Protein backbone atom coordinates (compact mmCIF):
# COMPACT_ATOMS: atom_id res chain seq x y z
CA MET A 1 11.52 -7.45 78.00
CA LYS A 2 13.70 -4.89 76.10
CA LEU A 3 11.17 -4.33 73.40
CA LYS A 4 8.55 -3.41 76.05
CA ARG A 5 10.98 -0.92 77.44
CA TYR A 6 11.76 0.37 73.92
CA PHE A 7 8.08 0.75 73.18
CA LEU A 8 7.50 2.60 76.49
CA GLY A 9 10.42 4.93 75.77
CA MET A 10 9.07 5.80 72.45
CA ALA A 11 5.32 6.18 73.45
CA ALA A 12 4.94 9.66 72.04
CA ILE A 13 6.63 8.87 68.71
CA LEU A 14 4.61 5.61 68.37
CA THR A 15 1.42 7.49 68.84
CA LEU A 16 2.24 9.83 65.90
CA VAL A 17 3.26 7.01 63.62
CA GLY A 18 0.25 4.87 64.30
CA MET A 19 1.49 2.30 66.88
CA SER A 20 -1.52 0.24 68.14
CA SER A 21 -2.08 -1.82 71.23
CA CYS A 22 -4.90 -3.98 70.18
CA LYS A 23 -5.58 -7.47 68.70
CA GLY A 24 -6.50 -6.27 65.27
CA ASP A 25 -5.15 -8.06 62.10
CA TYR A 26 -4.03 -4.83 60.35
CA ASP A 27 -6.26 -5.22 57.35
CA ASP A 28 -5.11 -1.66 56.24
CA TRP A 29 -1.79 -3.03 55.56
CA ALA A 30 -2.94 -5.84 53.28
CA GLY A 31 -2.86 -3.76 50.08
CA LEU A 32 -0.14 -1.87 48.27
CA GLN A 33 1.22 0.95 50.39
CA THR A 34 1.66 4.41 48.77
CA ASN A 35 4.37 5.80 51.01
CA PRO A 36 4.71 3.37 53.98
CA GLU A 37 8.23 4.48 54.78
CA GLU A 38 6.83 7.77 55.98
CA ASP A 39 4.96 6.01 58.83
CA ALA A 40 8.06 3.78 59.85
CA VAL A 41 10.46 4.16 62.69
CA THR A 42 13.95 2.64 63.07
CA ILE A 43 14.95 0.31 65.87
CA PRO A 44 18.67 -0.06 66.57
CA GLY A 45 20.00 -3.35 65.29
CA PHE A 46 16.72 -4.20 63.37
CA THR A 47 18.23 -3.91 59.90
CA SER A 48 18.23 -5.45 56.44
CA GLN A 49 20.88 -5.88 53.69
CA THR A 50 20.96 -6.62 50.01
CA THR A 51 21.68 -10.11 48.70
CA SER A 52 22.65 -8.94 45.18
CA SER A 53 25.08 -6.83 43.32
CA GLU A 54 25.62 -5.64 39.63
CA THR A 55 28.10 -8.41 39.09
CA ASN A 56 26.16 -11.05 41.05
CA PRO A 57 22.35 -10.10 40.36
CA ILE A 58 19.24 -11.94 41.39
CA ASN A 59 18.96 -14.12 38.13
CA LEU A 60 15.36 -14.91 37.47
CA ASN A 61 16.47 -17.50 34.76
CA ASN A 62 17.52 -19.62 37.72
CA ALA A 63 14.45 -18.95 39.94
CA GLN A 64 11.84 -21.55 40.48
CA PRO A 65 8.29 -20.48 39.37
CA VAL A 66 6.85 -21.11 42.82
CA LYS A 67 5.68 -18.92 45.63
CA ASP A 68 8.37 -17.09 47.64
CA SER A 69 11.26 -18.31 45.55
CA VAL A 70 13.35 -15.23 45.21
CA ASN A 71 15.33 -13.81 48.08
CA ILE A 72 15.50 -9.97 47.95
CA ALA A 73 17.29 -9.24 51.22
CA THR A 74 18.42 -10.65 54.66
CA LEU A 75 16.77 -9.42 57.81
CA GLN A 76 18.75 -9.04 61.05
CA VAL A 77 16.72 -9.04 64.29
CA PRO A 78 18.83 -8.55 67.47
CA ALA A 79 18.44 -11.57 69.77
CA GLU A 80 18.09 -9.35 72.84
CA TYR A 81 14.94 -7.91 71.46
CA GLN A 82 12.49 -10.75 71.98
CA TYR A 83 9.91 -9.90 69.55
CA GLY A 84 8.35 -11.31 66.44
CA VAL A 85 8.36 -10.04 62.89
CA THR A 86 5.40 -9.76 60.65
CA ASN A 87 4.11 -7.84 57.67
CA VAL A 88 7.41 -7.67 55.84
CA ARG A 89 7.34 -5.39 52.75
CA VAL A 90 9.69 -4.02 50.19
CA VAL A 91 9.36 -0.77 48.24
CA LEU A 92 11.09 -1.07 44.90
CA LYS A 93 11.96 1.77 42.56
CA PRO A 94 13.76 1.60 39.16
CA THR A 95 16.96 3.63 39.38
CA GLY A 96 19.08 2.24 36.61
CA GLU A 97 20.03 3.36 33.11
CA GLY A 98 17.26 2.74 30.59
CA ALA A 99 14.34 2.53 33.00
CA LYS A 100 10.98 3.05 31.35
CA SER A 101 9.54 4.32 34.62
CA THR A 102 10.57 5.55 37.96
CA VAL A 103 7.44 4.78 39.84
CA SER A 104 7.95 2.85 42.95
CA LYS A 105 5.79 -0.10 44.08
CA THR A 106 5.35 -1.95 47.35
CA PHE A 107 5.33 -5.83 47.43
CA ASP A 108 4.67 -8.38 50.27
CA LEU A 109 7.55 -10.45 51.33
CA SER A 110 7.79 -13.55 53.45
CA SER A 111 9.42 -13.36 56.84
CA ASN A 112 12.72 -14.25 55.35
CA CYS A 113 12.41 -11.55 52.57
CA ASN A 114 11.37 -13.80 49.73
CA MET A 115 8.92 -12.90 47.04
CA ASP A 116 7.29 -14.64 44.10
CA SER A 117 9.43 -15.01 40.93
CA ALA A 118 6.43 -14.22 38.66
CA THR A 119 5.71 -11.00 40.52
CA ILE A 120 9.18 -9.58 40.30
CA GLN A 121 9.49 -10.75 36.77
CA GLN A 122 6.51 -8.73 35.77
CA TYR A 123 7.75 -5.67 37.54
CA VAL A 124 11.29 -5.86 36.07
CA SER A 125 9.66 -6.37 32.58
CA ASP A 126 7.32 -3.42 33.11
CA SER A 127 10.22 -1.22 34.41
CA TYR A 128 12.95 -2.05 31.89
CA GLY A 129 11.89 -4.67 29.38
CA LEU A 130 13.00 -8.32 29.08
CA LYS A 131 16.56 -8.00 28.00
CA PRO A 132 18.38 -10.37 30.38
CA VAL A 133 20.97 -7.88 31.94
CA PRO A 134 21.17 -6.74 35.60
CA ARG A 135 18.55 -4.02 36.29
CA LYS A 136 19.03 -1.68 39.18
CA PHE A 137 16.34 -0.95 41.82
CA SER A 138 16.41 1.13 45.09
CA ALA A 139 14.79 -1.21 47.82
CA THR A 140 13.42 -0.21 51.21
CA VAL A 141 12.51 -3.11 53.48
CA LEU A 142 9.80 -2.42 56.05
CA ALA A 143 8.44 -4.86 58.72
CA SER A 144 6.21 -4.91 61.84
CA ALA A 145 7.90 -5.71 65.10
CA LYS A 146 5.42 -7.32 67.52
CA THR A 147 5.47 -8.29 71.21
CA GLY A 148 2.17 -9.43 72.73
CA ASN A 149 -0.35 -7.22 71.32
CA ASP A 150 1.97 -4.33 70.56
CA TYR A 151 3.01 -3.51 67.02
CA VAL A 152 5.24 -0.87 65.44
CA TYR A 153 6.16 -0.40 61.75
CA VAL A 154 9.85 -0.38 61.23
CA LYS A 155 12.06 0.88 58.45
CA THR A 156 14.84 -1.73 58.36
CA GLY A 157 16.99 -0.32 55.57
CA THR A 158 17.45 1.03 52.10
CA PHE A 159 19.86 -0.25 49.49
CA ASP A 160 20.34 -1.29 45.82
CA VAL A 161 18.96 -4.57 44.41
CA TYR A 162 20.02 -5.92 40.96
CA VAL A 163 17.63 -8.25 39.16
CA GLU A 164 18.11 -9.93 35.78
CA PRO A 165 14.77 -10.78 34.21
CA LYS A 166 14.00 -14.32 32.79
CA ALA A 167 14.45 -14.31 29.14
CA PRO A 168 16.69 -16.05 26.48
CA VAL A 169 19.82 -14.31 25.12
CA LEU A 170 18.70 -13.24 21.64
CA SER A 171 20.41 -11.65 18.68
CA GLU A 172 19.64 -7.93 18.52
CA VAL A 173 20.35 -7.76 14.83
CA GLY A 174 18.28 -10.55 13.29
CA TYR A 175 18.30 -14.13 12.13
CA TYR A 176 18.77 -16.01 8.91
CA VAL A 177 17.83 -19.37 7.67
CA VAL A 178 20.62 -21.80 6.74
CA GLY A 179 19.49 -25.22 5.42
CA ASN A 180 18.43 -27.25 2.44
CA VAL A 181 16.61 -24.42 0.74
CA LYS A 182 17.32 -23.46 -2.83
CA GLY A 183 20.46 -21.44 -3.47
CA ASN A 184 21.62 -21.86 0.19
CA GLY A 185 22.69 -25.37 0.88
CA TRP A 186 23.94 -24.97 4.43
CA ASN A 187 26.23 -22.09 3.52
CA ALA A 188 26.67 -20.23 6.84
CA ASP A 189 27.63 -17.07 4.86
CA ASP A 190 24.57 -16.97 2.75
CA THR A 191 22.08 -14.56 4.44
CA GLN A 192 19.46 -14.22 1.60
CA TYR A 193 16.69 -15.71 3.69
CA LYS A 194 16.69 -13.31 6.70
CA TYR A 195 14.81 -11.09 9.09
CA GLU A 196 16.47 -7.94 10.43
CA PHE A 197 15.14 -6.11 13.53
CA GLY A 198 16.12 -2.76 12.10
CA GLY A 199 16.87 -1.17 15.45
CA THR A 200 13.85 -2.46 17.21
CA SER A 201 14.27 -4.76 20.22
CA PRO A 202 13.50 -8.45 19.84
CA TYR A 203 12.47 -8.48 23.48
CA ASP A 204 9.74 -5.92 22.58
CA ASN A 205 8.90 -7.47 19.26
CA PRO A 206 9.85 -11.21 19.51
CA GLU A 207 7.66 -12.59 16.62
CA PHE A 208 8.75 -12.54 13.02
CA THR A 209 8.49 -14.52 9.74
CA ILE A 210 10.95 -15.55 7.11
CA ARG A 211 9.72 -16.75 3.70
CA VAL A 212 11.86 -19.54 2.07
CA PRO A 213 11.21 -21.36 -1.28
CA ALA A 214 9.65 -24.77 -0.94
CA GLN A 215 10.55 -26.02 -4.41
CA GLU A 216 13.88 -27.53 -5.47
CA LEU A 217 15.20 -28.24 -2.05
CA THR A 218 18.88 -29.35 -2.08
CA TYR A 219 17.80 -32.78 -0.75
CA GLY A 220 14.85 -34.62 0.62
CA ASP A 221 11.12 -33.85 0.34
CA HIS A 222 11.03 -31.72 3.43
CA VAL A 223 12.76 -28.54 4.74
CA GLU A 224 15.57 -28.64 7.34
CA PHE A 225 17.28 -25.53 8.71
CA LYS A 226 18.76 -23.69 11.55
CA LEU A 227 18.50 -19.96 12.49
CA LEU A 228 21.82 -18.18 12.65
CA ASP A 229 22.50 -14.86 14.18
CA LEU A 230 23.16 -11.95 11.75
CA ALA A 231 25.30 -10.35 14.45
CA HIS A 232 27.61 -13.38 14.11
CA LYS A 233 27.39 -14.06 10.45
CA GLY A 234 28.99 -17.44 9.47
CA SER A 235 29.17 -18.77 12.91
CA TRP A 236 27.55 -22.13 13.94
CA ASN A 237 28.79 -21.70 17.50
CA ALA A 238 27.24 -18.35 18.70
CA GLY A 239 25.09 -18.82 21.73
CA THR A 240 22.19 -17.19 19.96
CA VAL A 241 22.02 -19.79 17.06
CA LEU A 242 18.62 -21.58 17.18
CA SER A 243 18.22 -25.28 16.53
CA GLY A 244 15.31 -27.75 16.82
CA ASP A 245 14.77 -31.31 18.21
CA GLY A 246 15.65 -33.01 15.01
CA HIS A 247 12.16 -34.47 14.41
CA THR A 248 10.06 -33.50 11.40
CA THR A 249 7.01 -31.46 12.39
CA GLU A 250 3.86 -31.33 10.27
CA LEU A 251 2.93 -28.09 8.55
CA THR A 252 0.25 -25.98 10.37
CA GLU A 253 -3.12 -25.87 8.71
CA ASP A 254 -4.87 -23.82 11.33
CA ASP A 255 -2.95 -20.66 12.02
CA LYS A 256 -4.92 -20.12 15.21
CA ASN A 257 -3.79 -23.44 16.65
CA PRO A 258 -0.35 -24.00 15.07
CA VAL A 259 1.71 -27.18 15.30
CA LYS A 260 4.72 -25.73 17.14
CA THR A 261 8.22 -27.12 17.78
CA LYS A 262 10.58 -26.05 20.47
CA LEU A 263 13.58 -23.96 19.69
CA PHE A 264 16.92 -24.59 21.51
CA ASP A 265 19.89 -22.23 21.62
CA ASN A 266 23.49 -23.46 21.83
CA THR A 267 23.75 -23.21 25.54
CA ASP A 268 21.32 -26.20 25.91
CA GLY A 269 23.60 -28.55 24.03
CA LYS A 270 20.81 -29.31 21.51
CA GLY A 271 22.00 -29.65 17.98
CA GLY A 272 19.10 -30.95 15.92
CA ASN A 273 17.75 -29.26 12.88
CA ILE A 274 14.40 -27.62 12.62
CA GLN A 275 12.32 -29.75 10.14
CA PHE A 276 8.93 -29.34 8.54
CA ALA A 277 7.14 -31.81 6.30
CA GLY A 278 7.16 -31.32 2.43
CA THR A 279 4.69 -29.20 0.50
CA THR A 280 3.57 -28.70 -3.04
CA LYS A 281 3.03 -24.94 -2.25
CA GLN A 282 5.40 -22.24 -3.41
CA TYR A 283 6.87 -21.06 -0.09
CA TYR A 284 7.33 -22.07 3.49
CA ILE A 285 6.50 -19.29 5.87
CA ILE A 286 8.59 -19.80 9.01
CA HIS A 287 6.91 -18.26 12.08
CA VAL A 288 9.31 -17.63 14.98
CA ASN A 289 8.50 -16.55 18.54
CA LEU A 290 11.85 -15.76 20.20
CA LEU A 291 10.52 -15.22 23.69
CA GLY A 292 8.32 -18.32 23.58
CA GLN A 293 11.22 -20.26 21.97
CA THR A 294 8.87 -21.83 19.48
CA VAL A 295 8.59 -22.04 15.72
CA TYR A 296 5.96 -23.34 13.20
CA ALA A 297 5.62 -23.31 9.50
CA THR A 298 2.75 -22.70 7.09
CA ALA A 299 2.95 -23.15 3.32
CA GLU A 300 1.49 -20.72 0.82
CA ASP A 301 1.41 -19.71 -2.74
CA ILE A 302 2.23 -15.95 -2.64
CA PRO A 303 1.62 -13.73 -5.64
CA GLN A 304 4.71 -11.95 -6.95
CA LEU A 305 5.51 -9.61 -9.77
CA PHE A 306 8.86 -8.99 -11.52
CA MET A 307 9.96 -6.35 -14.05
CA THR A 308 12.69 -6.61 -16.78
CA GLY A 309 13.43 -4.48 -19.81
CA SER A 310 15.86 -3.03 -22.18
CA TYR A 311 18.04 -1.24 -19.66
CA SER A 312 21.48 -2.88 -19.52
CA GLY A 313 21.04 -3.84 -15.88
CA TYR A 314 18.05 -5.97 -16.73
CA ASN A 315 18.85 -7.00 -20.33
CA TRP A 316 15.45 -8.58 -21.08
CA GLY A 317 15.47 -11.38 -18.46
CA ALA A 318 19.10 -11.51 -17.46
CA LYS A 319 17.73 -9.84 -14.28
CA TRP A 320 14.26 -9.48 -12.98
CA MET A 321 13.47 -6.75 -10.43
CA GLU A 322 10.93 -7.76 -7.85
CA LEU A 323 8.08 -5.36 -7.06
CA THR A 324 6.52 -4.92 -3.60
CA MET A 325 3.04 -5.82 -2.67
CA ILE A 326 0.88 -3.12 -1.18
CA ASN A 327 0.19 -4.45 2.33
CA GLY A 328 -3.20 -6.19 2.42
CA HIS A 329 -3.74 -6.03 -1.36
CA GLU A 330 -2.28 -9.04 -3.13
CA ASN A 331 -3.10 -7.86 -6.59
CA LEU A 332 -1.36 -4.51 -6.30
CA PHE A 333 2.41 -4.08 -6.56
CA TRP A 334 4.64 -0.96 -6.48
CA THR A 335 8.07 0.08 -7.34
CA ILE A 336 10.13 3.28 -7.63
CA LYS A 337 12.26 3.11 -10.77
CA TYR A 338 14.26 5.43 -12.99
CA PHE A 339 13.65 5.18 -16.79
CA ASP A 340 15.74 6.49 -19.66
CA LYS A 341 13.90 8.20 -22.52
CA ASP A 342 12.47 5.53 -24.82
CA GLU A 343 13.37 2.67 -22.26
CA LEU A 344 11.23 -0.46 -22.67
CA PHE A 345 9.98 -2.79 -19.96
CA LYS A 346 7.40 -5.47 -19.13
CA PHE A 347 6.25 -7.61 -16.08
CA SER A 348 6.15 -11.26 -15.26
CA GLU A 349 4.41 -13.35 -12.47
CA ALA A 350 7.52 -15.50 -12.36
CA ASN A 351 8.03 -17.99 -9.56
CA VAL A 352 11.73 -18.26 -10.50
CA VAL A 353 13.92 -15.23 -11.31
CA GLY A 354 15.93 -15.76 -14.46
CA LYS A 355 15.18 -17.10 -17.99
CA ASP A 356 12.50 -19.44 -16.71
CA ALA A 357 10.35 -16.40 -15.83
CA TRP A 358 9.35 -16.25 -19.54
CA LYS A 359 7.52 -19.46 -18.99
CA ALA A 360 5.19 -17.65 -16.59
CA ARG A 361 2.52 -15.17 -17.54
CA ASN A 362 4.21 -11.98 -18.73
CA PHE A 363 2.53 -8.90 -19.93
CA ALA A 364 2.87 -5.23 -20.94
CA PRO A 365 0.12 -3.39 -18.91
CA THR A 366 -1.67 -0.35 -20.06
CA CYS A 367 -1.03 2.85 -18.08
CA ASN A 368 -4.49 4.11 -17.11
CA GLY A 369 -3.95 6.78 -14.44
CA GLY A 370 -1.53 8.93 -12.40
CA ASP A 371 -0.02 12.34 -12.87
CA GLN A 372 2.75 10.75 -15.13
CA GLN A 373 0.27 8.66 -17.24
CA SER A 374 0.99 10.62 -20.48
CA HIS A 375 4.65 9.41 -20.59
CA PHE A 376 3.83 5.67 -21.08
CA ALA A 377 2.41 3.63 -23.92
CA VAL A 378 2.38 0.02 -25.06
CA LYS A 379 4.32 -0.81 -28.19
CA ASP A 380 4.98 -4.33 -29.57
CA ASN A 381 3.84 -5.98 -26.32
CA LYS A 382 6.37 -3.70 -24.28
CA VAL A 383 5.79 -0.52 -22.28
CA LYS A 384 7.65 2.49 -23.54
CA CYS A 385 8.61 5.61 -21.46
CA ASP A 386 9.09 8.77 -23.46
CA LYS A 387 10.61 10.97 -20.67
CA ALA A 388 13.65 10.26 -18.57
CA GLY A 389 13.18 10.52 -14.77
CA TRP A 390 11.91 8.87 -11.60
CA TYR A 391 8.50 7.24 -11.39
CA LEU A 392 6.27 5.44 -8.93
CA LEU A 393 4.58 2.64 -10.70
CA VAL A 394 1.54 0.86 -9.08
CA VAL A 395 0.69 -2.29 -11.04
CA ASP A 396 -2.66 -4.20 -11.00
CA ARG A 397 -1.48 -7.68 -12.02
CA THR A 398 -4.95 -9.14 -12.47
CA ALA A 399 -6.22 -6.15 -14.63
CA ALA A 400 -2.85 -5.76 -16.36
CA THR A 401 -2.88 -2.06 -15.92
CA PHE A 402 -0.67 0.36 -13.97
CA LYS A 403 -0.60 3.97 -12.82
CA ALA A 404 2.36 6.23 -12.89
CA TYR A 405 3.06 8.92 -10.36
CA THR A 406 5.70 11.36 -9.22
CA PRO A 407 7.33 9.52 -6.30
CA LYS A 408 7.02 11.25 -2.92
CA VAL A 409 8.99 9.60 -0.15
CA TYR A 410 8.46 10.74 3.48
CA LEU A 411 9.70 10.20 7.00
CA MET A 412 7.11 9.12 9.55
CA GLY A 413 7.17 8.59 13.25
CA GLU A 414 9.24 9.64 16.18
CA ALA A 415 12.33 10.65 14.16
CA SER A 416 10.38 12.79 11.74
CA ALA A 417 9.58 16.49 11.98
CA THR A 418 5.74 15.95 12.26
CA GLY A 419 5.74 12.83 14.37
CA TRP A 420 2.92 10.31 13.68
CA GLY A 421 0.63 12.90 12.05
CA ALA A 422 0.13 13.54 8.34
CA SER A 423 3.47 14.08 6.73
CA THR A 424 4.33 17.54 5.33
CA ALA A 425 7.12 19.08 3.29
CA ALA A 426 9.25 19.04 6.39
CA ASP A 427 9.42 15.13 6.06
CA LEU A 428 9.74 14.92 2.25
CA PHE A 429 12.85 13.38 0.64
CA SER A 430 14.60 15.16 -2.18
CA THR A 431 14.45 13.35 -5.53
CA PRO A 432 17.65 12.86 -7.60
CA THR A 433 17.93 13.59 -11.32
CA THR A 434 19.98 10.50 -12.25
CA ARG A 435 19.56 6.74 -12.13
CA ASP A 436 22.49 6.37 -9.53
CA GLY A 437 21.31 9.30 -7.41
CA TYR A 438 20.15 9.30 -3.88
CA PHE A 439 16.73 10.27 -2.43
CA VAL A 440 17.77 12.32 0.73
CA SER A 441 15.66 12.90 3.82
CA PRO A 442 15.51 15.99 5.93
CA ALA A 443 17.62 15.88 9.12
CA LEU A 444 16.30 13.42 11.69
CA LYS A 445 14.70 14.95 14.84
CA ASN A 446 16.28 12.37 17.29
CA ASP A 447 17.89 8.89 17.48
CA LYS A 448 14.56 6.95 17.46
CA ALA A 449 13.79 4.17 14.88
CA VAL A 450 13.37 5.71 11.45
CA ARG A 451 10.11 4.90 9.57
CA ILE A 452 9.83 5.68 5.85
CA TYR A 453 7.10 5.30 3.21
CA VAL A 454 6.18 6.32 -0.29
CA GLU A 455 2.87 8.16 -0.78
CA MET A 456 0.11 6.25 -2.63
CA PRO A 457 -1.98 9.10 -3.92
CA PHE A 458 -5.20 7.19 -4.52
CA GLN A 459 -7.89 5.40 -2.68
CA LEU A 460 -8.68 1.70 -2.08
CA LYS A 461 -11.64 -0.20 -0.81
CA GLU A 462 -10.98 -0.90 2.90
CA LYS A 463 -13.20 -2.02 5.85
CA ASN A 464 -14.33 0.69 8.27
CA ASP A 465 -14.94 0.35 11.91
CA LYS A 466 -18.38 -1.25 11.21
CA GLY A 467 -16.73 -3.83 8.86
CA GLU A 468 -18.17 -2.21 5.76
CA GLU A 469 -16.11 -1.66 2.63
CA GLU A 470 -15.61 1.90 1.63
CA LEU A 471 -13.05 3.95 -0.39
CA GLN A 472 -10.15 5.23 1.88
CA ASN A 473 -6.85 6.80 1.36
CA VAL A 474 -4.10 4.35 1.32
CA ALA A 475 -2.57 4.14 4.81
CA TRP A 476 1.17 5.16 4.97
CA TRP A 477 2.23 1.80 6.53
CA ARG A 478 0.88 -0.17 3.55
CA ALA A 479 3.85 1.24 1.46
CA GLU A 480 6.43 1.30 4.28
CA PHE A 481 10.08 0.36 4.06
CA GLY A 482 13.32 0.91 5.90
CA VAL A 483 17.18 0.73 5.94
CA ALA A 484 18.58 -2.33 7.51
CA VAL A 485 21.92 -2.43 9.35
CA ASN A 486 23.59 -4.06 6.36
CA LYS A 487 22.38 -1.00 4.35
CA SER A 488 19.78 -2.89 2.26
CA ILE A 489 16.35 -1.40 1.73
CA GLN A 490 13.85 -3.70 3.44
CA TYR A 491 10.16 -3.43 2.23
CA ARG A 492 7.32 -4.19 4.47
CA GLY A 493 5.17 -5.58 1.67
CA ASN A 494 2.66 -8.05 2.92
CA SER A 495 4.87 -9.36 5.80
CA GLY A 496 4.40 -8.78 9.60
CA SER A 497 7.64 -6.66 9.83
CA ASP A 498 7.08 -2.96 10.04
CA GLY A 499 10.21 -2.21 8.12
CA ALA A 500 11.62 0.09 10.63
CA SER A 501 15.16 1.28 9.99
CA PHE A 502 18.05 0.99 12.51
CA THR A 503 18.26 3.85 14.99
CA SER A 504 20.69 6.69 14.05
CA GLY A 505 21.07 10.12 15.48
CA THR A 506 19.78 13.62 15.59
CA GLY A 507 20.71 15.69 12.59
CA LYS A 508 21.70 12.75 10.47
CA LYS A 509 19.92 12.08 7.13
CA VAL A 510 18.65 8.97 5.28
CA TYR A 511 20.06 8.25 1.79
CA LEU A 512 18.12 5.84 -0.47
CA ASN A 513 19.36 4.38 -3.84
CA PHE A 514 16.42 2.58 -5.38
CA SER A 515 18.53 1.43 -8.29
CA THR A 516 20.81 -0.64 -6.10
CA GLU A 517 18.14 -1.24 -3.42
CA THR A 518 20.48 0.10 -0.77
CA GLY A 519 20.48 3.01 1.77
CA ASP A 520 22.30 4.58 4.69
CA ILE A 521 21.75 6.84 7.61
CA LYS A 522 24.67 9.23 8.10
């Protein structure tokens, strides 16, 4: 046989590469190989070729979740070499743009170069993430040629493989609720109930919540809505629009075992609304899992706090400015505001912004702390400020008190000068001198997601590692916020969103206008 003659002619080489003439089952090849190509030889005509290209990738969205369901390559074994093929392997290495790692890994293949869809899905996800675009790998296919009891390990070829991971096509800007919720009424241009990713990837952080009012629905006793893509504002036809099955789902009572409903994008041809049963609570909290393609809803009464005053922009109830909850502390709210000399203001726990807010509990709290305490006093059931300037107010709504501080806004994280450590003067924003002025950051270190917070210069009772309560400094992320793509300031508050700003670029600066609740990175 020709293989016998080929083996005999390469006897010296085969000895070096570990060729064996025995009946062993080659258990040492059963695990992942570190560098198997170094021990392999080539045999003329014994080759392999890719089955994919960048324009025609292996699409795991189309693969069946069963064993050996994804074909990586084709194997050519010359007919004149009458030998069998066993122990087929592929060494994959990420080589495309955006790879998280360049570490190669060896996988078992079937004799026709197939592998498990779940196995390659996990490797693509680990190497690049789950965004469903073609991902490039260098592939080296190795196999054992066998005749009788003789084996030799063969390198059959090296080529590029393109794989698209299994994942839905998602908006990379964010989603907003359009439905029968108050003030919205199926207006596709109304984005007031939204969640913005702020530069983070929905494939890395696929879960989010949107809070919508449960009272005064435009029709019916239950909520109905769809999730539209902020990247295609106003469009009902974008492929990333998310719908439901049209059936009303009960509200979840146990958040650990939620009653979920399936999400459908427009490519599935499903056009039903997402519907949840009615509630007497103040808000629906819509919980979305984009990768799981599920949604569920809880209903809650969430504490809120609003401020109005003598300033013409508020005009005593014509406008109420909402304060932000300190994450994890539902009785504490904060805001950064500019006050004119002798400006008056007060607070309300209004459920409805506008004149009806006066029907809720409203109060003028006593200032009982902070480095700016001396500039505030209560007069005629209103708080009066005797010095113009910017202030950080932290209000305890249950005790009806507040503390006044000099606001100190900092960068945090990868784009900041000091990274994830304690912020220093190198991360401190400048403070303007006028109401319409901008807080301006130092230059950004790189183009990573921008994290921002205001310092809370006091301590709160928190649980330590032992579960015991003790006084601790307020963690920066409890008062975090960011700048969204639409240039609005997005506060973390008590939500699950981290408030990260959209990515920008090295040397750019963040500009924040707390009077208009807007910002920019330029």
